[in-house]
């Protein structure tokens, strides 16, 4: 790996208007869009990409390499496993566990998460 590529993966980008709550963890290589909320105790692991106007609820966990589309909401205590893509306008319910990509807007709940609306 080239030195510049290596250094780039160590940085985290947090865009304008984003709030990060107490005890939240945002690890290296993360990119967070505009006007997001990373709520209390949420964990955003390495190399995640979070779109604009996204709310990550308290205690939610996004494993490495996760991509969250614009205008989405990840509920309290939800878990998104590694390398999952979630499209725009998705609501993940509290405590849900997402184990596969979500490609269409809607409300998803349960373990494993399934679409209800």
PDB file of N, CA and C in Angstrom:
ATOM      1  N   UNK A   1       0.856  -1.181   0.000  1.00  0.00           N
ATOM      2  CA  UNK A   1       0.000   0.000   0.000  1.00  0.00           C
ATOM      3  C   UNK A   1       0.894   1.233   0.000  1.00  0.00           C
ATOM      4  N   UNK A   2       0.555   2.182  -0.825  1.00  0.00           N
ATOM      5  CA  UNK A   2       1.280   3.437  -0.902  1.00  0.00           C
ATOM      6  C   UNK A   2       1.086   4.215   0.400  1.00  0.00           C
ATOM      7  N   UNK A   3       2.091   4.969   0.813  1.00  0.00           N
ATOM      8  CA  UNK A   3       2.049   5.707   2.080  1.00  0.00           C
ATOM      9  C   UNK A   3       0.855   6.658   2.136  1.00  0.00           C
ATOM     10  N   UNK A   4       0.555   7.363   1.049  1.00  0.00           N
ATOM     11  CA  UNK A   4      -0.579   8.298   1.055  1.00  0.00           C
ATOM     12  C   UNK A   4      -1.904   7.569   1.216  1.00  0.00           C
ATOM     13  N   UNK A   5      -2.048   6.399   0.600  1.00  0.00           N
ATOM     14  CA  UNK A   5      -3.267   5.599   0.769  1.00  0.00           C
ATOM     15  C   UNK A   5      -3.406   5.153   2.214  1.00  0.00           C
ATOM     16  N   UNK A   6      -2.298   4.748   2.803  1.00  0.00           N
ATOM     17  CA  UNK A   6      -2.314   4.321   4.200  1.00  0.00           C
ATOM     18  C   UNK A   6      -2.736   5.466   5.118  1.00  0.00           C
ATOM     19  N   UNK A   7      -2.158   6.634   4.913  1.00  0.00           N
ATOM     20  CA  UNK A   7      -2.492   7.784   5.761  1.00  0.00           C
ATOM     21  C   UNK A   7      -3.947   8.206   5.593  1.00  0.00           C
ATOM     22  N   UNK A   8      -4.464   8.123   4.363  1.00  0.00           N
ATOM     23  CA  UNK A   8      -5.846   8.490   4.113  1.00  0.00           C
ATOM     24  C   UNK A   8      -6.810   7.601   4.896  1.00  0.00           C
ATOM     25  N   UNK A   9      -6.497   6.308   5.035  1.00  0.00           N
ATOM     26  CA  UNK A   9      -7.397   5.397   5.741  1.00  0.00           C
ATOM     27  C   UNK A   9      -7.404   5.653   7.246  1.00  0.00           C
ATOM     28  N   UNK A  10      -6.475   6.448   7.745  1.00  0.00           N
ATOM     29  CA  UNK A  10      -6.442   6.771   9.174  1.00  0.00           C
ATOM     30  C   UNK A  10      -7.352   7.941   9.530  1.00  0.00           C
ATOM     31  N   UNK A  11      -7.761   8.709   8.550  1.00  0.00           N
ATOM     32  CA  UNK A  11      -8.560   9.896   8.800  1.00  0.00           C
ATOM     33  C   UNK A  11     -10.052   9.595   8.818  1.00  0.00           C
ATOM     34  N   UNK A  12     -10.752  10.401   9.576  1.00  0.00           N
ATOM     35  CA  UNK A  12     -12.202  10.346   9.624  1.00  0.00           C
ATOM     36  C   UNK A  12     -12.725  11.696   9.151  1.00  0.00           C
ATOM     37  N   UNK A  13     -13.752  11.689   8.285  1.00  0.00           N
ATOM     38  CA  UNK A  13     -14.354  12.929   7.798  1.00  0.00           C
ATOM     39  C   UNK A  13     -15.725  13.101   8.430  1.00  0.00           C
ATOM     40  N   UNK A  14     -15.938  14.253   9.058  1.00  0.00           N
ATOM     41  CA  UNK A  14     -17.224  14.564   9.671  1.00  0.00           C
ATOM     42  C   UNK A  14     -17.692  15.878   9.065  1.00  0.00           C
ATOM     43  N   UNK A  15     -18.819  15.845   8.361  1.00  0.00           N
ATOM     44  CA  UNK A  15     -19.293  17.020   7.636  1.00  0.00           C
ATOM     45  C   UNK A  15     -20.051  17.993   8.535  1.00  0.00           C
ATOM     46  N   UNK A  16     -20.303  19.152   7.970  1.00  0.00           N
ATOM     47  CA  UNK A  16     -20.952  20.265   8.658  1.00  0.00           C
ATOM     48  C   UNK A  16     -22.317  19.862   9.225  1.00  0.00           C
ATOM     49  N   UNK A  17     -22.602  20.338  10.428  1.00  0.00           N
ATOM     50  CA  UNK A  17     -23.906  20.149  11.042  1.00  0.00           C
ATOM     51  C   UNK A  17     -24.102  18.817  11.726  1.00  0.00           C
ATOM     52  N   UNK A  18     -23.067  17.991  11.770  1.00  0.00           N
ATOM     53  CA  UNK A  18     -23.177  16.669  12.379  1.00  0.00           C
ATOM     54  C   UNK A  18     -22.907  16.749  13.873  1.00  0.00           C
ATOM     55  N   UNK A  19     -23.695  16.009  14.646  1.00  0.00           N
ATOM     56  CA  UNK A  19     -23.568  15.943  16.109  1.00  0.00           C
ATOM     57  C   UNK A  19     -23.117  14.537  16.491  1.00  0.00           C
ATOM     58  N   UNK A  20     -22.120  14.461  17.370  1.00  0.00           N
ATOM     59  CA  UNK A  20     -21.673  13.175  17.896  1.00  0.00           C
ATOM     60  C   UNK A  20     -21.858  13.215  19.404  1.00  0.00           C
ATOM     61  N   UNK A  21     -22.692  12.304  19.927  1.00  0.00           N
ATOM     62  CA  UNK A  21     -23.059  12.281  21.334  1.00  0.00           C
ATOM     63  C   UNK A  21     -21.988  11.696  22.237  1.00  0.00           C
ATOM     64  N   UNK A  22     -22.245  11.831  23.526  1.00  0.00           N
ATOM     65  CA  UNK A  22     -21.336  11.350  24.562  1.00  0.00           C
ATOM     66  C   UNK A  22     -21.132   9.837  24.426  1.00  0.00           C
ATOM     67  N   UNK A  23     -19.880   9.425  24.605  1.00  0.00           N
ATOM     68  CA  UNK A  23     -19.461   8.017  24.561  1.00  0.00           C
ATOM     69  C   UNK A  23     -19.683   7.330  23.217  1.00  0.00           C
ATOM     70  N   UNK A  24     -19.945   8.091  22.178  1.00  0.00           N
ATOM     71  CA  UNK A  24     -19.999   7.500  20.837  1.00  0.00           C
ATOM     72  C   UNK A  24     -18.559   7.252  20.375  1.00  0.00           C
ATOM     73  N   UNK A  25     -18.388   6.225  19.544  1.00  0.00           N
ATOM     74  CA  UNK A  25     -17.068   5.885  19.017  1.00  0.00           C
ATOM     75  C   UNK A  25     -17.139   5.974  17.496  1.00  0.00           C
ATOM     76  N   UNK A  26     -16.240   6.757  16.922  1.00  0.00           N
ATOM     77  CA  UNK A  26     -16.134   6.860  15.468  1.00  0.00           C
ATOM     78  C   UNK A  26     -14.692   6.512  15.120  1.00  0.00           C
ATOM     79  N   UNK A  27     -14.505   5.385  14.471  1.00  0.00           N
ATOM     80  CA  UNK A  27     -13.169   4.870  14.202  1.00  0.00           C
ATOM     81  C   UNK A  27     -12.588   5.392  12.887  1.00  0.00           C
ATOM     82  N   UNK A  28     -11.291   5.113  12.622  1.00  0.00           N
ATOM     83  CA  UNK A  28     -10.617   5.624  11.430  1.00  0.00           C
ATOM     84  C   UNK A  28     -11.269   5.182  10.121  1.00  0.00           C
ATOM     85  N   UNK A  29     -11.133   6.046   9.127  1.00  0.00           N
ATOM     86  CA  UNK A  29     -11.608   5.743   7.786  1.00  0.00           C
ATOM     87  C   UNK A  29     -13.093   5.967   7.578  1.00  0.00           C
ATOM     88  N   UNK A  30     -13.768   6.540   8.566  1.00  0.00           N
ATOM     89  CA  UNK A  30     -15.212   6.779   8.483  1.00  0.00           C
ATOM     90  C   UNK A  30     -15.471   8.117   7.797  1.00  0.00           C
ATOM     91  N   UNK A  31     -16.542   8.163   6.977  1.00  0.00           N
ATOM     92  CA  UNK A  31     -16.990   9.403   6.349  1.00  0.00           C
ATOM     93  C   UNK A  31     -18.441   9.615   6.751  1.00  0.00           C
ATOM     94  N   UNK A  32     -18.716  10.756   7.399  1.00  0.00           N
ATOM     95  CA  UNK A  32     -20.067  11.070   7.869  1.00  0.00           C
ATOM     96  C   UNK A  32     -20.550  12.310   7.131  1.00  0.00           C
ATOM     97  N   UNK A  33     -21.748  12.217   6.549  1.00  0.00           N
ATOM     98  CA  UNK A  33     -22.321  13.316   5.775  1.00  0.00           C
ATOM     99  C   UNK A  33     -22.807  14.476   6.627  1.00  0.00           C
ATOM    100  N   UNK A  34     -23.511  15.384   5.980  1.00  0.00           N
ATOM    101  CA  UNK A  34     -24.019  16.597   6.621  1.00  0.00           C
ATOM    102  C   UNK A  34     -25.242  16.302   7.490  1.00  0.00           C
ATOM    103  N   UNK A  35     -25.358  17.069   8.574  1.00  0.00           N
ATOM    104  CA  UNK A  35     -26.549  17.087   9.432  1.00  0.00           C
ATOM    105  C   UNK A  35     -26.930  15.713   9.979  1.00  0.00           C
ATOM    106  N   UNK A  36     -25.935  14.958  10.374  1.00  0.00           N
ATOM    107  CA  UNK A  36     -26.187  13.633  10.952  1.00  0.00           C
ATOM    108  C   UNK A  36     -26.190  13.707  12.473  1.00  0.00           C
ATOM    109  N   UNK A  37     -26.766  12.685  13.080  1.00  0.00           N
ATOM    110  CA  UNK A  37     -26.701  12.511  14.527  1.00  0.00           C
ATOM    111  C   UNK A  37     -26.116  11.136  14.786  1.00  0.00           C
ATOM    112  N   UNK A  38     -25.011  11.111  15.490  1.00  0.00           N
ATOM    113  CA  UNK A  38     -24.418   9.867  15.962  1.00  0.00           C
ATOM    114  C   UNK A  38     -24.670   9.914  17.471  1.00  0.00           C
ATOM    115  N   UNK A  39     -25.691   9.220  17.919  1.00  0.00           N
ATOM    116  CA  UNK A  39     -26.203   9.406  19.273  1.00  0.00           C
ATOM    117  C   UNK A  39     -25.344   8.702  20.323  1.00  0.00           C
ATOM    118  N   UNK A  40     -25.695   8.945  21.566  1.00  0.00           N
ATOM    119  CA  UNK A  40     -24.968   8.477  22.736  1.00  0.00           C
ATOM    120  C   UNK A  40     -24.615   6.992  22.647  1.00  0.00           C
ATOM    121  N   UNK A  41     -23.339   6.690  22.815  1.00  0.00           N
ATOM    122  CA  UNK A  41     -22.887   5.310  22.878  1.00  0.00           C
ATOM    123  C   UNK A  41     -22.914   4.532  21.581  1.00  0.00           C
ATOM    124  N   UNK A  42     -23.224   5.179  20.470  1.00  0.00           N
ATOM    125  CA  UNK A  42     -23.200   4.481  19.178  1.00  0.00           C
ATOM    126  C   UNK A  42     -21.754   4.152  18.810  1.00  0.00           C
ATOM    127  N   UNK A  43     -21.574   3.082  18.061  1.00  0.00           N
ATOM    128  CA  UNK A  43     -20.242   2.686  17.604  1.00  0.00           C
ATOM    129  C   UNK A  43     -20.252   2.619  16.085  1.00  0.00           C
ATOM    130  N   UNK A  44     -19.369   3.394  15.477  1.00  0.00           N
ATOM    131  CA  UNK A  44     -19.202   3.394  14.028  1.00  0.00           C
ATOM    132  C   UNK A  44     -17.799   2.847  13.766  1.00  0.00           C
ATOM    133  N   UNK A  45     -17.720   1.613  13.285  1.00  0.00           N
ATOM    134  CA  UNK A  45     -16.429   0.984  13.071  1.00  0.00           C
ATOM    135  C   UNK A  45     -15.761   1.513  11.796  1.00  0.00           C
ATOM    136  N   UNK A  46     -14.563   1.055  11.544  1.00  0.00           N
ATOM    137  CA  UNK A  46     -13.706   1.529  10.451  1.00  0.00           C
ATOM    138  C   UNK A  46     -14.384   1.475   9.085  1.00  0.00           C
ATOM    139  N   UNK A  47     -14.043   2.451   8.268  1.00  0.00           N
ATOM    140  CA  UNK A  47     -14.376   2.471   6.847  1.00  0.00           C
ATOM    141  C   UNK A  47     -15.870   2.482   6.537  1.00  0.00           C
ATOM    142  N   UNK A  48     -16.680   2.986   7.443  1.00  0.00           N
ATOM    143  CA  UNK A  48     -18.116   3.161   7.167  1.00  0.00           C
ATOM    144  C   UNK A  48     -18.333   4.467   6.418  1.00  0.00           C
ATOM    145  N   UNK A  49     -19.370   4.499   5.599  1.00  0.00           N
ATOM    146  CA  UNK A  49     -19.773   5.719   4.908  1.00  0.00           C
ATOM    147  C   UNK A  49     -21.225   5.979   5.273  1.00  0.00           C
ATOM    148  N   UNK A  50     -21.474   7.156   5.828  1.00  0.00           N
ATOM    149  CA  UNK A  50     -22.809   7.529   6.278  1.00  0.00           C
ATOM    150  C   UNK A  50     -23.232   8.756   5.477  1.00  0.00           C
ATOM    151  N   UNK A  51     -24.376   8.659   4.808  1.00  0.00           N
ATOM    152  CA  UNK A  51     -24.874   9.745   3.967  1.00  0.00           C
ATOM    153  C   UNK A  51     -25.332  10.948   4.782  1.00  0.00           C
ATOM    154  N   UNK A  52     -25.971  11.888   4.106  1.00  0.00           N
ATOM    155  CA  UNK A  52     -26.491  13.102   4.746  1.00  0.00           C
ATOM    156  C   UNK A  52     -27.798  12.810   5.477  1.00  0.00           C
ATOM    157  N   UNK A  53     -28.042  13.587   6.552  1.00  0.00           N
ATOM    158  CA  UNK A  53     -29.308  13.536   7.292  1.00  0.00           C
ATOM    159  C   UNK A  53     -29.623  12.143   7.833  1.00  0.00           C
ATOM    160  N   UNK A  54     -28.611  11.470   8.341  1.00  0.00           N
ATOM    161  CA  UNK A  54     -28.768  10.128   8.919  1.00  0.00           C
ATOM    162  C   UNK A  54     -28.736  10.242  10.441  1.00  0.00           C
ATOM    163  N   UNK A  55     -29.593   9.474  11.099  1.00  0.00           N
ATOM    164  CA  UNK A  55     -29.607   9.412  12.564  1.00  0.00           C
ATOM    165  C   UNK A  55     -29.227   7.996  12.972  1.00  0.00           C
ATOM    166  N   UNK A  56     -28.160   7.892  13.749  1.00  0.00           N
ATOM    167  CA  UNK A  56     -27.735   6.615  14.314  1.00  0.00           C
ATOM    168  C   UNK A  56     -28.128   6.670  15.792  1.00  0.00           C
ATOM    169  N   UNK A  57     -29.054   5.808  16.208  1.00  0.00           N
ATOM    170  CA  UNK A  57     -29.613   5.839  17.549  1.00  0.00           C
ATOM    171  C   UNK A  57     -28.623   5.435  18.629  1.00  0.00           C
ATOM    172  N   UNK A  58     -28.979   5.707  19.889  1.00  0.00           N
ATOM    173  CA  UNK A  58     -28.120   5.359  21.017  1.00  0.00           C
ATOM    174  C   UNK A  58     -27.788   3.868  21.030  1.00  0.00           C
ATOM    175  N   UNK A  59     -26.506   3.569  21.237  1.00  0.00           N
ATOM    176  CA  UNK A  59     -26.075   2.192  21.363  1.00  0.00           C
ATOM    177  C   UNK A  59     -26.087   1.364  20.096  1.00  0.00           C
ATOM    178  N   UNK A  60     -26.397   1.964  18.957  1.00  0.00           N
ATOM    179  CA  UNK A  60     -26.369   1.219  17.685  1.00  0.00           C
ATOM    180  C   UNK A  60     -24.921   0.907  17.314  1.00  0.00           C
ATOM    181  N   UNK A  61     -24.739  -0.188  16.587  1.00  0.00           N
ATOM    182  CA  UNK A  61     -23.403  -0.602  16.164  1.00  0.00           C
ATOM    183  C   UNK A  61     -23.387  -0.797  14.650  1.00  0.00           C
ATOM    184  N   UNK A  62     -22.485  -0.082  13.995  1.00  0.00           N
ATOM    185  CA  UNK A  62     -22.246  -0.277  12.565  1.00  0.00           C
ATOM    186  C   UNK A  62     -20.879  -0.920  12.431  1.00  0.00           C
ATOM    187  N   UNK A  63     -20.837  -2.156  11.976  1.00  0.00           N
ATOM    188  CA  UNK A  63     -19.568  -2.853  11.797  1.00  0.00           C
ATOM    189  C   UNK A  63     -18.826  -2.291  10.591  1.00  0.00           C
ATOM    190  N   UNK A  64     -17.558  -2.638  10.456  1.00  0.00           N
ATOM    191  CA  UNK A  64     -16.698  -2.081   9.422  1.00  0.00           C
ATOM    192  C   UNK A  64     -17.226  -2.226   8.015  1.00  0.00           C
ATOM    193  N   UNK A  65     -16.994  -1.197   7.212  1.00  0.00           N
ATOM    194  CA  UNK A  65     -17.346  -1.224   5.805  1.00  0.00           C
ATOM    195  C   UNK A  65     -18.813  -1.036   5.489  1.00  0.00           C
ATOM    196  N   UNK A  66     -19.608  -0.636   6.475  1.00  0.00           N
ATOM    197  CA  UNK A  66     -21.039  -0.424   6.271  1.00  0.00           C
ATOM    198  C   UNK A  66     -21.291   0.899   5.551  1.00  0.00           C
ATOM    199  N   UNK A  67     -22.272   0.924   4.638  1.00  0.00           N
ATOM    200  CA  UNK A  67     -22.678   2.152   3.948  1.00  0.00           C
ATOM    201  C   UNK A  67     -24.146   2.406   4.258  1.00  0.00           C
ATOM    202  N   UNK A  68     -24.449   3.623   4.738  1.00  0.00           N
ATOM    203  CA  UNK A  68     -25.823   4.009   5.079  1.00  0.00           C
ATOM    204  C   UNK A  68     -26.234   5.158   4.165  1.00  0.00           C
ATOM    205  N   UNK A  69     -27.350   4.999   3.444  1.00  0.00           N
ATOM    206  CA  UNK A  69     -27.827   6.015   2.513  1.00  0.00           C
ATOM    207  C   UNK A  69     -28.441   7.228   3.195  1.00  0.00           C
ATOM    208  N   UNK A  70     -28.605   8.289   2.437  1.00  0.00           N
ATOM    209  CA  UNK A  70     -29.184   9.547   2.932  1.00  0.00           C
ATOM    210  C   UNK A  70     -30.553   9.333   3.573  1.00  0.00           C
ATOM    211  N   UNK A  71     -30.869  10.183   4.536  1.00  0.00           N
ATOM    212  CA  UNK A  71     -32.201  10.233   5.167  1.00  0.00           C
ATOM    213  C   UNK A  71     -32.609   8.919   5.815  1.00  0.00           C
ATOM    214  N   UNK A  72     -31.654   8.174   6.327  1.00  0.00           N
ATOM    215  CA  UNK A  72     -31.965   6.914   6.983  1.00  0.00           C
ATOM    216  C   UNK A  72     -31.858   7.046   8.495  1.00  0.00           C
ATOM    217  N   UNK A  73     -32.481   6.111   9.200  1.00  0.00           N
ATOM    218  CA  UNK A  73     -32.517   6.107  10.662  1.00  0.00           C
ATOM    219  C   UNK A  73     -32.184   4.702  11.137  1.00  0.00           C
ATOM    220  N   UNK A  74     -31.189   4.611  11.994  1.00  0.00           N
ATOM    221  CA  UNK A  74     -30.801   3.333  12.588  1.00  0.00           C
ATOM    222  C   UNK A  74     -31.209   3.405  14.059  1.00  0.00           C
ATOM    223  N   UNK A  75     -32.146   2.566  14.477  1.00  0.00           N
ATOM    224  CA  UNK A  75     -32.740   2.645  15.805  1.00  0.00           C
ATOM    225  C   UNK A  75     -31.808   2.254  16.938  1.00  0.00           C
ATOM    226  N   UNK A  76     -32.245   2.570  18.133  1.00  0.00           N
ATOM    227  CA  UNK A  76     -31.502   2.282  19.358  1.00  0.00           C
ATOM    228  C   UNK A  76     -31.112   0.808  19.424  1.00  0.00           C
ATOM    229  N   UNK A  77     -29.822   0.562  19.649  1.00  0.00           N
ATOM    230  CA  UNK A  77     -29.331  -0.794  19.833  1.00  0.00           C
ATOM    231  C   UNK A  77     -29.331  -1.682  18.606  1.00  0.00           C
ATOM    232  N   UNK A  78     -29.618  -1.116  17.438  1.00  0.00           N
ATOM    233  CA  UNK A  78     -29.577  -1.921  16.206  1.00  0.00           C
ATOM    234  C   UNK A  78     -28.130  -2.310  15.895  1.00  0.00           C
ATOM    235  N   UNK A  79     -27.972  -3.421  15.204  1.00  0.00           N
ATOM    236  CA  UNK A  79     -26.650  -3.898  14.812  1.00  0.00           C
ATOM    237  C   UNK A  79     -26.653  -4.116  13.301  1.00  0.00           C
ATOM    238  N   UNK A  80     -25.655  -3.534  12.648  1.00  0.00           N
ATOM    239  CA  UNK A  80     -25.480  -3.719  11.208  1.00  0.00           C
ATOM    240  C   UNK A  80     -24.154  -4.459  11.053  1.00  0.00           C
ATOM    241  N   UNK A  81     -24.191  -5.701  10.508  1.00  0.00           N
ATOM    242  CA  UNK A  81     -22.940  -6.451  10.388  1.00  0.00           C
ATOM    243  C   UNK A  81     -22.059  -5.843   9.295  1.00  0.00           C
ATOM    244  N   UNK A  82     -20.832  -6.317   9.196  1.00  0.00           N
ATOM    245  CA  UNK A  82     -19.827  -5.732   8.318  1.00  0.00           C
ATOM    246  C   UNK A  82     -20.212  -5.800   6.841  1.00  0.00           C
ATOM    247  N   UNK A  83     -19.766  -4.762   6.132  1.00  0.00           N
ATOM    248  CA  UNK A  83     -19.891  -4.667   4.673  1.00  0.00           C
ATOM    249  C   UNK A  83     -21.325  -4.708   4.161  1.00  0.00           C
ATOM    250  N   UNK A  84     -22.255  -4.172   4.922  1.00  0.00           N
ATOM    251  CA  UNK A  84     -23.662  -4.095   4.518  1.00  0.00           C
ATOM    252  C   UNK A  84     -23.930  -2.728   3.902  1.00  0.00           C
ATOM    253  N   UNK A  85     -24.739  -2.703   2.844  1.00  0.00           N
ATOM    254  CA  UNK A  85     -25.188  -1.458   2.217  1.00  0.00           C
ATOM    255  C   UNK A  85     -26.666  -1.273   2.512  1.00  0.00           C
ATOM    256  N   UNK A  86     -27.012  -0.076   2.977  1.00  0.00           N
ATOM    257  CA  UNK A  86     -28.404   0.272   3.255  1.00  0.00           C
ATOM    258  C   UNK A  86     -28.745   1.478   2.391  1.00  0.00           C
ATOM    259  N   UNK A  87     -29.824   1.364   1.604  1.00  0.00           N
ATOM    260  CA  UNK A  87     -30.189   2.434   0.671  1.00  0.00           C
ATOM    261  C   UNK A  87     -30.719   3.662   1.415  1.00  0.00           C
ATOM    262  N   UNK A  88     -31.124   4.659   0.652  1.00  0.00           N
ATOM    263  CA  UNK A  88     -31.697   5.890   1.208  1.00  0.00           C
ATOM    264  C   UNK A  88     -33.087   5.628   1.773  1.00  0.00           C
ATOM    265  N   UNK A  89     -33.501   6.492   2.717  1.00  0.00           N
ATOM    266  CA  UNK A  89     -34.866   6.489   3.254  1.00  0.00           C
ATOM    267  C   UNK A  89     -35.263   5.154   3.888  1.00  0.00           C
ATOM    268  N   UNK A  90     -34.369   4.611   4.683  1.00  0.00           N
ATOM    269  CA  UNK A  90     -34.615   3.349   5.384  1.00  0.00           C
ATOM    270  C   UNK A  90     -34.677   3.623   6.881  1.00  0.00           C
ATOM    271  N   UNK A  91     -35.629   2.986   7.550  1.00  0.00           N
ATOM    272  CA  UNK A  91     -35.717   3.038   9.005  1.00  0.00           C
ATOM    273  C   UNK A  91     -35.464   1.623   9.524  1.00  0.00           C
ATOM    274  N   UNK A  92     -34.428   1.498  10.344  1.00  0.00           N
ATOM    275  CA  UNK A  92     -34.107   0.234  10.987  1.00  0.00           C
ATOM    276  C   UNK A  92     -34.601   0.339  12.430  1.00  0.00           C
ATOM    277  N   UNK A  93     -35.488  -0.550  12.835  1.00  0.00           N
ATOM    278  CA  UNK A  93     -36.080  -0.498  14.159  1.00  0.00           C
ATOM    279  C   UNK A  93     -35.092  -0.789  15.274  1.00  0.00           C
ATOM    280  N   UNK A  94     -35.466  -0.380  16.490  1.00  0.00           N
ATOM    281  CA  UNK A  94     -34.642  -0.609  17.674  1.00  0.00           C
ATOM    282  C   UNK A  94     -34.347  -2.094  17.835  1.00  0.00           C
ATOM    283  N   UNK A  95     -33.088  -2.414  18.084  1.00  0.00           N
ATOM    284  CA  UNK A  95     -32.686  -3.790  18.332  1.00  0.00           C
ATOM    285  C   UNK A  95     -32.615  -4.696  17.123  1.00  0.00           C
ATOM    286  N   UNK A  96     -32.907  -4.184  15.951  1.00  0.00           N
ATOM    287  CA  UNK A  96     -32.849  -5.013  14.742  1.00  0.00           C
ATOM    288  C   UNK A  96     -31.410  -5.419  14.436  1.00  0.00           C
ATOM    289  N   UNK A  97     -31.267  -6.544  13.756  1.00  0.00           N
ATOM    290  CA  UNK A  97     -29.956  -7.019  13.327  1.00  0.00           C
ATOM    291  C   UNK A  97     -29.996  -7.171  11.808  1.00  0.00           C
ATOM    292  N   UNK A  98     -29.204  -6.355  11.122  1.00  0.00           N
ATOM    293  CA  UNK A  98     -29.194  -6.360   9.660  1.00  0.00           C
ATOM    294  C   UNK A  98     -28.034  -7.230   9.190  1.00  0.00           C
ATOM    295  N   UNK A  99     -28.373  -8.313   8.474  1.00  0.00           N
ATOM    296  CA  UNK A  99     -27.366  -9.282   8.030  1.00  0.00           C
ATOM    297  C   UNK A  99     -27.235  -9.362   6.509  1.00  0.00           C
ATOM    298  N   UNK A 100     -28.056  -8.586   5.790  1.00  0.00           N
ATOM    299  CA  UNK A 100     -27.922  -8.544   4.335  1.00  0.00           C
ATOM    300  C   UNK A 100     -28.266  -7.139   3.848  1.00  0.00           C
ATOM    301  N   UNK A 101     -27.813  -6.812   2.641  1.00  0.00           N
ATOM    302  CA  UNK A 101     -28.042  -5.488   2.075  1.00  0.00           C
ATOM    303  C   UNK A 101     -29.531  -5.162   2.038  1.00  0.00           C
ATOM    304  N   UNK A 102     -29.828  -3.879   2.228  1.00  0.00           N
ATOM    305  CA  UNK A 102     -31.198  -3.371   2.101  1.00  0.00           C
ATOM    306  C   UNK A 102     -31.192  -2.413   0.927  1.00  0.00           C
ATOM    307  N   UNK A 103     -31.917  -2.781  -0.137  1.00  0.00           N
ATOM    308  CA  UNK A 103     -31.849  -2.047  -1.401  1.00  0.00           C
ATOM    309  C   UNK A 103     -33.073  -1.203  -1.711  1.00  0.00           C
ATOM    310  N   UNK A 104     -34.080  -1.220  -0.846  1.00  0.00           N
ATOM    311  CA  UNK A 104     -35.247  -0.383  -1.110  1.00  0.00           C
ATOM    312  C   UNK A 104     -35.706   0.298   0.172  1.00  0.00           C
ATOM    313  N   UNK A 105     -36.261   1.518   0.029  1.00  0.00           N
ATOM    314  CA  UNK A 105     -36.734   2.249   1.205  1.00  0.00           C
ATOM    315  C   UNK A 105     -37.795   1.459   1.957  1.00  0.00           C
ATOM    316  N   UNK A 106     -37.920   1.730   3.247  1.00  0.00           N
ATOM    317  CA  UNK A 106     -38.939   1.074   4.050  1.00  0.00           C
ATOM    318  C   UNK A 106     -38.538   0.984   5.499  1.00  0.00           C
ATOM    319  N   UNK A 107     -39.362   0.261   6.256  1.00  0.00           N
ATOM    320  CA  UNK A 107     -39.134   0.036   7.672  1.00  0.00           C
ATOM    321  C   UNK A 107     -38.743  -1.428   7.842  1.00  0.00           C
ATOM    322  N   UNK A 108     -37.646  -1.661   8.552  1.00  0.00           N
ATOM    323  CA  UNK A 108     -37.114  -2.999   8.751  1.00  0.00           C
ATOM    324  C   UNK A 108     -36.948  -3.257  10.242  1.00  0.00           C
ATOM    325  N   UNK A 109     -37.420  -4.410  10.721  1.00  0.00           N
ATOM    326  CA  UNK A 109     -37.343  -4.750  12.139  1.00  0.00           C
ATOM    327  C   UNK A 109     -36.969  -6.223  12.301  1.00  0.00           C
ATOM    328  N   UNK A 110     -36.546  -6.585  13.509  1.00  0.00           N
ATOM    329  CA  UNK A 110     -36.350  -7.980  13.855  1.00  0.00           C
ATOM    330  C   UNK A 110     -34.929  -8.474  13.721  1.00  0.00           C
ATOM    331  N   UNK A 111     -34.762  -9.774  14.012  1.00  0.00           N
ATOM    332  CA  UNK A 111     -33.474 -10.436  13.942  1.00  0.00           C
ATOM    333  C   UNK A 111     -33.664 -11.790  13.258  1.00  0.00           C
ATOM    334  N   UNK A 112     -33.265 -11.896  11.992  1.00  0.00           N
ATOM    335  CA  UNK A 112     -32.683 -10.863  11.155  1.00  0.00           C
ATOM    336  C   UNK A 112     -33.730  -9.844  10.699  1.00  0.00           C
ATOM    337  N   UNK A 113     -33.265  -8.651  10.388  1.00  0.00           N
ATOM    338  CA  UNK A 113     -34.182  -7.577   9.984  1.00  0.00           C
ATOM    339  C   UNK A 113     -34.956  -7.957   8.724  1.00  0.00           C
ATOM    340  N   UNK A 114     -36.247  -7.641   8.715  1.00  0.00           N
ATOM    341  CA  UNK A 114     -37.105  -7.882   7.546  1.00  0.00           C
ATOM    342  C   UNK A 114     -37.981  -6.650   7.329  1.00  0.00           C
ATOM    343  N   UNK A 115     -38.409  -6.450   6.115  1.00  0.00           N
ATOM    344  CA  UNK A 115     -39.212  -5.275   5.742  1.00  0.00           C
ATOM    345  C   UNK A 115     -40.660  -5.466   6.193  1.00  0.00           C
ATOM    346  N   UNK A 116     -41.214  -4.416   6.853  1.00  0.00           N
ATOM    347  CA  UNK A 116     -42.620  -4.470   7.241  1.00  0.00           C
ATOM    348  C   UNK A 116     -43.453  -3.399   6.550  1.00  0.00           C
ATOM    349  N   UNK A 117     -42.834  -2.374   5.971  1.00  0.00           N
ATOM    350  CA  UNK A 117     -43.557  -1.328   5.241  1.00  0.00           C
ATOM    351  C   UNK A 117     -42.790  -0.940   4.016  1.00  0.00           C
TER     352      UNK A 117
END
